[in-house]
Amino acid sequence: MENITQKENDLFDKWGHHIVKDGVVDIELFMLTKIKILIIMKETNDYVNEEQDLRIFLKKGARGATWNNIVRWIYGLKNLTQKTDDLWQHISYIDNNKRIQYLSQISSINLKKRPGASSTNLSELQQETANDIQYLQKQISFYKNINFVICGSRDVSNLVQKYNMFGNIKFMQHVNSYVKIAESEYSNAIIISYYHPQVRGKGSSKEELFKNLINAIKDYFNNKENMFVD
């Protein structure tokens, strides 16, 4: 079995400044799962844990405020052949056990590895991404055979695209939702640009966020010529 975790840790040792480690949560489950998912977020708060390791935080179930919606999205992407309403009925309620179950199967990274506040400073995010881009690109290269990449905000997907983290990609906009999708230049991975999981406002209930995302992905596979525009 490829030791991705060791590669991650070796890279973090070279990073050059204090960081919160991240990446594959449980290497055995990640390698075994059929649908592999990478979550890319802006940054993490400073409460993660004493080890300053997002992987440990997620393996213990993390916190519902951010991660409940992500668990729902993970479940939906792993079960796209089922009806969206049926998926929602199964995953609408999330507890810590469900978070542990599904978060343990993924890889999750932050562009800005130093912890931040509850609200991201965009200029800091952009600057640290630029400074660390060689490390970030190296880390992303560890995650082979990824099926879906979820970018948790337009700020994230803009930087992913700007720095060619998945090659020279071009996003297409879903006609009925906020979802944008691109295909990796290097693999079969689908890159998804979406809301931050804690988004607030009209049209951002947990059910709407789930159904809009899953229905858009289904549209992409079934009828992208009519449902997506450049």
C-alpha atoms as a PDB file:
ATOM      1  CA  MET A   1       0.000   0.000   0.000  1.00  0.00           C
ATOM      2  CA  GLU A   2       1.312   3.401  -0.967  1.00  0.00           C
ATOM      3  CA  ASN A   3       2.198   5.325   2.179  1.00  0.00           C
ATOM      4  CA  ILE A   4       0.585   8.649   1.350  1.00  0.00           C
ATOM      5  CA  THR A   5       0.592   9.701   4.995  1.00  0.00           C
ATOM      6  CA  GLN A   6       4.364   9.358   5.186  1.00  0.00           C
ATOM      7  CA  LYS A   7       4.709  11.434   2.020  1.00  0.00           C
ATOM      8  CA  GLU A   8       2.467  14.085   3.558  1.00  0.00           C
ATOM      9  CA  ASN A   9       4.471  14.179   6.785  1.00  0.00           C
ATOM     10  CA  ASP A  10       7.789  14.365   4.945  1.00  0.00           C
ATOM     11  CA  LEU A  11       6.452  17.305   2.944  1.00  0.00           C
ATOM     12  CA  PHE A  12       5.157  19.075   6.050  1.00  0.00           C
ATOM     13  CA  ASP A  13       8.612  18.794   7.622  1.00  0.00           C
ATOM     14  CA  LYS A  14       9.921  20.875   4.714  1.00  0.00           C
ATOM     15  CA  TRP A  15       7.094  23.424   4.652  1.00  0.00           C
ATOM     16  CA  GLY A  16       9.131  26.094   6.407  1.00  0.00           C
ATOM     17  CA  HIS A  17       6.682  27.655   8.867  1.00  0.00           C
ATOM     18  CA  HIS A  18       4.131  26.626  11.470  1.00  0.00           C
ATOM     19  CA  ILE A  19       1.271  24.812   9.760  1.00  0.00           C
ATOM     20  CA  VAL A  20      -1.786  22.730  10.533  1.00  0.00           C
ATOM     21  CA  LYS A  21      -1.185  19.355   8.883  1.00  0.00           C
ATOM     22  CA  ASP A  22      -3.906  17.893   6.689  1.00  0.00           C
ATOM     23  CA  GLY A  23      -4.582  15.331   3.984  1.00  0.00           C
ATOM     24  CA  VAL A  24      -5.794  11.726   4.000  1.00  0.00           C
ATOM     25  CA  VAL A  25      -7.772  11.112   7.188  1.00  0.00           C
ATOM     26  CA  ASP A  26      -7.506   7.304   7.330  1.00  0.00           C
ATOM     27  CA  ILE A  27      -5.158   5.834   4.744  1.00  0.00           C
ATOM     28  CA  GLU A  28      -6.668   2.319   4.779  1.00  0.00           C
ATOM     29  CA  LEU A  29     -10.240   3.544   4.310  1.00  0.00           C
ATOM     30  CA  PHE A  30      -9.148   6.059   1.677  1.00  0.00           C
ATOM     31  CA  MET A  31      -7.436   3.369  -0.381  1.00  0.00           C
ATOM     32  CA  LEU A  32     -10.393   0.982  -0.063  1.00  0.00           C
ATOM     33  CA  THR A  33     -13.204   3.414  -0.878  1.00  0.00           C
ATOM     34  CA  LYS A  34     -14.462   3.183  -4.460  1.00  0.00           C
ATOM     35  CA  ILE A  35     -15.285   6.897  -4.873  1.00  0.00           C
ATOM     36  CA  LYS A  36     -12.340   8.994  -3.698  1.00  0.00           C
ATOM     37  CA  ILE A  37     -13.026  12.596  -2.701  1.00  0.00           C
ATOM     38  CA  LEU A  38     -10.690  15.498  -1.987  1.00  0.00           C
ATOM     39  CA  ILE A  39     -12.024  18.538  -0.119  1.00  0.00           C
ATOM     40  CA  ILE A  40     -10.113  21.820  -0.557  1.00  0.00           C
ATOM     41  CA  MET A  41     -10.901  24.613   1.889  1.00  0.00           C
ATOM     42  CA  LYS A  42      -9.399  28.028   2.601  1.00  0.00           C
ATOM     43  CA  GLU A  43      -7.944  27.519   6.073  1.00  0.00           C
ATOM     44  CA  THR A  44      -8.699  25.959   9.431  1.00  0.00           C
ATOM     45  CA  ASN A  45      -9.428  27.666  12.726  1.00  0.00           C
ATOM     46  CA  ASP A  46      -6.937  27.426  15.582  1.00  0.00           C
ATOM     47  CA  TYR A  47      -9.098  25.026  17.600  1.00  0.00           C
ATOM     48  CA  VAL A  48      -8.246  21.878  15.617  1.00  0.00           C
ATOM     49  CA  ASN A  49      -6.343  19.959  18.343  1.00  0.00           C
ATOM     50  CA  GLU A  50      -3.115  19.936  20.315  1.00  0.00           C
ATOM     51  CA  GLU A  51      -1.387  18.055  17.508  1.00  0.00           C
ATOM     52  CA  GLN A  52      -2.390  20.793  15.038  1.00  0.00           C
ATOM     53  CA  ASP A  53      -3.452  18.080  12.601  1.00  0.00           C
ATOM     54  CA  LEU A  54      -6.711  18.296  10.663  1.00  0.00           C
ATOM     55  CA  ARG A  55      -6.520  14.571   9.916  1.00  0.00           C
ATOM     56  CA  ILE A  56      -6.874  13.701  13.595  1.00  0.00           C
ATOM     57  CA  PHE A  57      -9.641  16.276  14.037  1.00  0.00           C
ATOM     58  CA  LEU A  58     -11.688  14.789  11.192  1.00  0.00           C
ATOM     59  CA  LYS A  59     -11.056  11.205  12.288  1.00  0.00           C
ATOM     60  CA  LYS A  60     -12.675  12.068  15.626  1.00  0.00           C
ATOM     61  CA  GLY A  61     -15.724  13.578  13.946  1.00  0.00           C
ATOM     62  CA  ALA A  62     -14.752  17.267  13.696  1.00  0.00           C
ATOM     63  CA  ARG A  63     -17.575  19.779  14.279  1.00  0.00           C
ATOM     64  CA  GLY A  64     -21.013  19.849  12.779  1.00  0.00           C
ATOM     65  CA  ALA A  65     -21.103  23.540  11.895  1.00  0.00           C
ATOM     66  CA  THR A  66     -18.777  23.094   8.928  1.00  0.00           C
ATOM     67  CA  TRP A  67     -18.613  19.359   8.430  1.00  0.00           C
ATOM     68  CA  ASN A  68     -22.242  18.203   8.525  1.00  0.00           C
ATOM     69  CA  ASN A  69     -22.922  19.630   5.086  1.00  0.00           C
ATOM     70  CA  ILE A  70     -19.665  18.214   3.763  1.00  0.00           C
ATOM     71  CA  VAL A  71     -20.668  14.752   5.027  1.00  0.00           C
ATOM     72  CA  ARG A  72     -23.962  15.100   3.167  1.00  0.00           C
ATOM     73  CA  TRP A  73     -22.139  16.065  -0.022  1.00  0.00           C
ATOM     74  CA  ILE A  74     -19.728  13.138   0.341  1.00  0.00           C
ATOM     75  CA  TYR A  75     -22.608  10.704   0.779  1.00  0.00           C
ATOM     76  CA  GLY A  76     -24.443  12.091  -2.242  1.00  0.00           C
ATOM     77  CA  LEU A  77     -21.390  11.887  -4.497  1.00  0.00           C
ATOM     78  CA  LYS A  78     -20.823   8.274  -3.463  1.00  0.00           C
ATOM     79  CA  ASN A  79     -24.431   7.329  -4.304  1.00  0.00           C
ATOM     80  CA  LEU A  80     -25.329   9.249  -7.452  1.00  0.00           C
ATOM     81  CA  THR A  81     -27.373   6.407  -8.940  1.00  0.00           C
ATOM     82  CA  GLN A  82     -30.008   6.800  -6.231  1.00  0.00           C
ATOM     83  CA  LYS A  83     -32.844   9.320  -6.311  1.00  0.00           C
ATOM     84  CA  THR A  84     -31.864  12.639  -4.777  1.00  0.00           C
ATOM     85  CA  ASP A  85     -34.916  12.743  -2.476  1.00  0.00           C
ATOM     86  CA  ASP A  86     -34.081   9.274  -1.166  1.00  0.00           C
ATOM     87  CA  LEU A  87     -30.473  10.305  -0.553  1.00  0.00           C
ATOM     88  CA  TRP A  88     -31.633  13.332   1.390  1.00  0.00           C
ATOM     89  CA  GLN A  89     -33.922  11.269   3.603  1.00  0.00           C
ATOM     90  CA  HIS A  90     -31.006   9.046   4.527  1.00  0.00           C
ATOM     91  CA  ILE A  91     -28.451  11.783   5.192  1.00  0.00           C
ATOM     92  CA  SER A  92     -30.500  14.756   6.437  1.00  0.00           C
ATOM     93  CA  TYR A  93     -29.686  13.962  10.063  1.00  0.00           C
ATOM     94  CA  ILE A  94     -25.978  13.919  10.952  1.00  0.00           C
ATOM     95  CA  ASP A  95     -24.418  12.924  14.255  1.00  0.00           C
ATOM     96  CA  ASN A  96     -20.810  12.443  15.302  1.00  0.00           C
ATOM     97  CA  ASN A  97     -20.820   8.769  14.289  1.00  0.00           C
ATOM     98  CA  LYS A  98     -21.823   9.653  10.729  1.00  0.00           C
ATOM     99  CA  ARG A  99     -19.167  12.341  10.594  1.00  0.00           C
ATOM    100  CA  ILE A 100     -16.540   9.835  11.716  1.00  0.00           C
ATOM    101  CA  GLN A 101     -17.769   7.264   9.178  1.00  0.00           C
ATOM    102  CA  TYR A 102     -17.659   9.514   6.127  1.00  0.00           C
ATOM    103  CA  LEU A 103     -14.879  11.959   6.977  1.00  0.00           C
ATOM    104  CA  SER A 104     -12.531   9.031   7.612  1.00  0.00           C
ATOM    105  CA  GLN A 105     -12.835   8.081   3.927  1.00  0.00           C
ATOM    106  CA  ILE A 106     -11.621  11.347   2.401  1.00  0.00           C
ATOM    107  CA  SER A 107      -8.652  13.613   1.984  1.00  0.00           C
ATOM    108  CA  SER A 108      -9.085  17.233   3.059  1.00  0.00           C
ATOM    109  CA  ILE A 109      -6.567  20.036   2.674  1.00  0.00           C
ATOM    110  CA  ASN A 110      -6.400  23.775   3.263  1.00  0.00           C
ATOM    111  CA  LEU A 111      -4.722  26.206   0.910  1.00  0.00           C
ATOM    112  CA  LYS A 112      -3.607  28.366   3.838  1.00  0.00           C
ATOM    113  CA  LYS A 113      -1.906  26.008   6.248  1.00  0.00           C
ATOM    114  CA  ARG A 114      -1.545  28.455   9.114  1.00  0.00           C
ATOM    115  CA  PRO A 115      -4.674  28.647  11.271  1.00  0.00           C
ATOM    116  CA  GLY A 116      -6.892  31.676  10.917  1.00  0.00           C
ATOM    117  CA  ALA A 117      -9.929  33.313  12.445  1.00  0.00           C
ATOM    118  CA  SER A 118     -13.604  32.547  11.873  1.00  0.00           C
ATOM    119  CA  SER A 119     -13.569  34.806   8.801  1.00  0.00           C
ATOM    120  CA  THR A 120     -10.821  34.372   6.210  1.00  0.00           C
ATOM    121  CA  ASN A 121      -8.622  37.306   5.266  1.00  0.00           C
ATOM    122  CA  LEU A 122      -8.669  37.006   1.468  1.00  0.00           C
ATOM    123  CA  SER A 123      -5.402  38.848   0.888  1.00  0.00           C
ATOM    124  CA  GLU A 124      -3.641  36.546   3.381  1.00  0.00           C
ATOM    125  CA  LEU A 125      -5.144  33.499   1.688  1.00  0.00           C
ATOM    126  CA  GLN A 126      -3.973  34.681  -1.722  1.00  0.00           C
ATOM    127  CA  GLN A 127      -0.486  35.573  -0.483  1.00  0.00           C
ATOM    128  CA  GLU A 128       0.113  32.329   1.402  1.00  0.00           C
ATOM    129  CA  THR A 129      -1.204  30.268  -1.508  1.00  0.00           C
ATOM    130  CA  ALA A 130       1.236  32.058  -3.802  1.00  0.00           C
ATOM    131  CA  ASN A 131       4.107  31.543  -1.349  1.00  0.00           C
ATOM    132  CA  ASP A 132       3.340  27.863  -0.808  1.00  0.00           C
ATOM    133  CA  ILE A 133       2.194  26.877  -4.275  1.00  0.00           C
ATOM    134  CA  GLN A 134       5.036  24.415  -4.945  1.00  0.00           C
ATOM    135  CA  TYR A 135       4.264  22.587  -1.699  1.00  0.00           C
ATOM    136  CA  LEU A 136       0.517  22.615  -2.391  1.00  0.00           C
ATOM    137  CA  GLN A 137       0.992  21.243  -5.892  1.00  0.00           C
ATOM    138  CA  LYS A 138       3.254  18.523  -4.523  1.00  0.00           C
ATOM    139  CA  GLN A 139       0.716  17.573  -1.876  1.00  0.00           C
ATOM    140  CA  ILE A 140      -2.129  17.387  -4.378  1.00  0.00           C
ATOM    141  CA  SER A 141       0.009  15.098  -6.574  1.00  0.00           C
ATOM    142  CA  PHE A 142      -0.093  12.474  -3.792  1.00  0.00           C
ATOM    143  CA  TYR A 143      -3.830  11.943  -4.236  1.00  0.00           C
ATOM    144  CA  LYS A 144      -4.110   9.754  -7.297  1.00  0.00           C
ATOM    145  CA  ASN A 145      -7.338   8.302  -8.683  1.00  0.00           C
ATOM    146  CA  ILE A 146      -9.443  11.063  -7.157  1.00  0.00           C
ATOM    147  CA  ASN A 147     -12.997  11.077  -8.522  1.00  0.00           C
ATOM    148  CA  PHE A 148     -14.276  14.376  -7.115  1.00  0.00           C
ATOM    149  CA  VAL A 149     -12.623  17.516  -5.794  1.00  0.00           C
ATOM    150  CA  ILE A 150     -14.897  19.887  -3.874  1.00  0.00           C
ATOM    151  CA  CYS A 151     -13.636  23.474  -3.648  1.00  0.00           C
ATOM    152  CA  GLY A 152     -15.366  25.004  -0.641  1.00  0.00           C
ATOM    153  CA  SER A 153     -15.932  28.521  -2.030  1.00  0.00           C
ATOM    154  CA  ARG A 154     -15.241  30.525  -5.172  1.00  0.00           C
ATOM    155  CA  ASP A 155     -12.102  31.908  -3.501  1.00  0.00           C
ATOM    156  CA  VAL A 156     -10.722  28.380  -3.388  1.00  0.00           C
ATOM    157  CA  SER A 157     -11.693  27.388  -6.919  1.00  0.00           C
ATOM    158  CA  ASN A 158     -10.309  30.668  -8.293  1.00  0.00           C
ATOM    159  CA  LEU A 159      -6.919  29.902  -6.749  1.00  0.00           C
ATOM    160  CA  VAL A 160      -7.049  26.261  -7.844  1.00  0.00           C
ATOM    161  CA  GLN A 161      -7.617  27.460 -11.391  1.00  0.00           C
ATOM    162  CA  LYS A 162      -5.112  30.323 -11.238  1.00  0.00           C
ATOM    163  CA  TYR A 163      -2.245  28.081 -10.157  1.00  0.00           C
ATOM    164  CA  ASN A 164      -3.150  25.121 -12.389  1.00  0.00           C
ATOM    165  CA  MET A 165      -3.402  22.731  -9.445  1.00  0.00           C
ATOM    166  CA  PHE A 166      -5.224  20.302 -11.713  1.00  0.00           C
ATOM    167  CA  GLY A 167      -3.822  21.571 -14.962  1.00  0.00           C
ATOM    168  CA  ASN A 168      -5.297  24.116 -17.332  1.00  0.00           C
ATOM    169  CA  ILE A 169      -8.944  23.701 -16.352  1.00  0.00           C
ATOM    170  CA  LYS A 170     -12.046  25.562 -17.500  1.00  0.00           C
ATOM    171  CA  PHE A 171     -15.130  25.767 -15.299  1.00  0.00           C
ATOM    172  CA  MET A 172     -18.645  25.502 -16.718  1.00  0.00           C
ATOM    173  CA  GLN A 173     -21.617  27.019 -14.890  1.00  0.00           C
ATOM    174  CA  HIS A 174     -24.742  24.997 -14.129  1.00  0.00           C
ATOM    175  CA  VAL A 175     -27.747  26.883 -15.472  1.00  0.00           C
ATOM    176  CA  ASN A 176     -29.971  26.358 -12.405  1.00  0.00           C
ATOM    177  CA  SER A 177     -27.577  26.547  -9.467  1.00  0.00           C
ATOM    178  CA  TYR A 178     -24.332  27.973  -8.095  1.00  0.00           C
ATOM    179  CA  VAL A 179     -22.393  24.841  -9.061  1.00  0.00           C
ATOM    180  CA  LYS A 180     -19.441  25.099 -11.439  1.00  0.00           C
ATOM    181  CA  ILE A 181     -17.627  22.049 -12.786  1.00  0.00           C
ATOM    182  CA  ALA A 182     -14.322  21.441 -14.551  1.00  0.00           C
ATOM    183  CA  GLU A 183     -12.381  18.329 -15.545  1.00  0.00           C
ATOM    184  CA  SER A 184      -8.799  17.800 -14.393  1.00  0.00           C
ATOM    185  CA  GLU A 185      -6.242  17.988 -17.193  1.00  0.00           C
ATOM    186  CA  TYR A 186      -4.236  15.190 -15.590  1.00  0.00           C
ATOM    187  CA  SER A 187      -6.873  12.627 -14.596  1.00  0.00           C
ATOM    188  CA  ASN A 188     -10.572  11.817 -14.611  1.00  0.00           C
ATOM    189  CA  ALA A 189     -11.224  13.944 -11.527  1.00  0.00           C
ATOM    190  CA  ILE A 190     -14.239  16.255 -11.572  1.00  0.00           C
ATOM    191  CA  ILE A 191     -13.475  19.626  -9.957  1.00  0.00           C
ATOM    192  CA  ILE A 192     -16.508  21.201  -8.265  1.00  0.00           C
ATOM    193  CA  SER A 193     -16.694  24.874  -7.331  1.00  0.00           C
ATOM    194  CA  TYR A 194     -19.397  25.445  -4.730  1.00  0.00           C
ATOM    195  CA  TYR A 195     -20.395  27.380  -1.647  1.00  0.00           C
ATOM    196  CA  HIS A 196     -18.573  27.251   1.645  1.00  0.00           C
ATOM    197  CA  PRO A 197     -20.493  24.665   3.734  1.00  0.00           C
ATOM    198  CA  GLN A 198     -21.430  27.346   6.291  1.00  0.00           C
ATOM    199  CA  VAL A 199     -22.955  29.700   3.728  1.00  0.00           C
ATOM    200  CA  ARG A 200     -25.971  31.649   4.921  1.00  0.00           C
ATOM    201  CA  GLY A 201     -28.820  33.392   3.152  1.00  0.00           C
ATOM    202  CA  LYS A 202     -31.673  32.695   0.755  1.00  0.00           C
ATOM    203  CA  GLY A 203     -31.438  29.337  -0.966  1.00  0.00           C
ATOM    204  CA  SER A 204     -28.769  28.000   1.380  1.00  0.00           C
ATOM    205  CA  SER A 205     -30.652  25.637   3.659  1.00  0.00           C
ATOM    206  CA  LYS A 206     -28.872  22.349   4.235  1.00  0.00           C
ATOM    207  CA  GLU A 207     -31.435  20.574   2.034  1.00  0.00           C
ATOM    208  CA  GLU A 208     -31.116  23.061  -0.811  1.00  0.00           C
ATOM    209  CA  LEU A 209     -27.324  22.957  -0.662  1.00  0.00           C
ATOM    210  CA  PHE A 210     -27.401  19.171  -0.866  1.00  0.00           C
ATOM    211  CA  LYS A 211     -30.000  18.779  -3.585  1.00  0.00           C
ATOM    212  CA  ASN A 212     -28.641  21.571  -5.780  1.00  0.00           C
ATOM    213  CA  LEU A 213     -25.160  20.060  -5.708  1.00  0.00           C
ATOM    214  CA  ILE A 214     -26.193  16.462  -6.318  1.00  0.00           C
ATOM    215  CA  ASN A 215     -28.686  17.337  -9.052  1.00  0.00           C
ATOM    216  CA  ALA A 216     -26.070  19.460 -10.806  1.00  0.00           C
ATOM    217  CA  ILE A 217     -23.569  16.600 -10.762  1.00  0.00           C
ATOM    218  CA  LYS A 218     -26.206  14.267 -12.166  1.00  0.00           C
ATOM    219  CA  ASP A 219     -26.958  16.818 -14.883  1.00  0.00           C
ATOM    220  CA  TYR A 220     -23.268  16.972 -15.710  1.00  0.00           C
ATOM    221  CA  PHE A 221     -23.033  13.257 -16.334  1.00  0.00           C
ATOM    222  CA  ASN A 222     -26.402  12.940 -18.066  1.00  0.00           C
ATOM    223  CA  ASN A 223     -26.885  16.120 -20.081  1.00  0.00           C
ATOM    224  CA  LYS A 224     -24.058  18.603 -19.655  1.00  0.00           C
ATOM    225  CA  GLU A 225     -24.470  20.077 -23.150  1.00  0.00           C
ATOM    226  CA  ASN A 226     -27.839  21.570 -22.197  1.00  0.00           C
ATOM    227  CA  MET A 227     -27.361  22.166 -18.471  1.00  0.00           C
ATOM    228  CA  PHE A 228     -23.950  23.862 -18.379  1.00  0.00           C
ATOM    229  CA  VAL A 229     -22.655  26.990 -20.056  1.00  0.00           C
ATOM    230  CA  ASP A 230     -19.148  28.407 -20.452  1.00  0.00           C
END
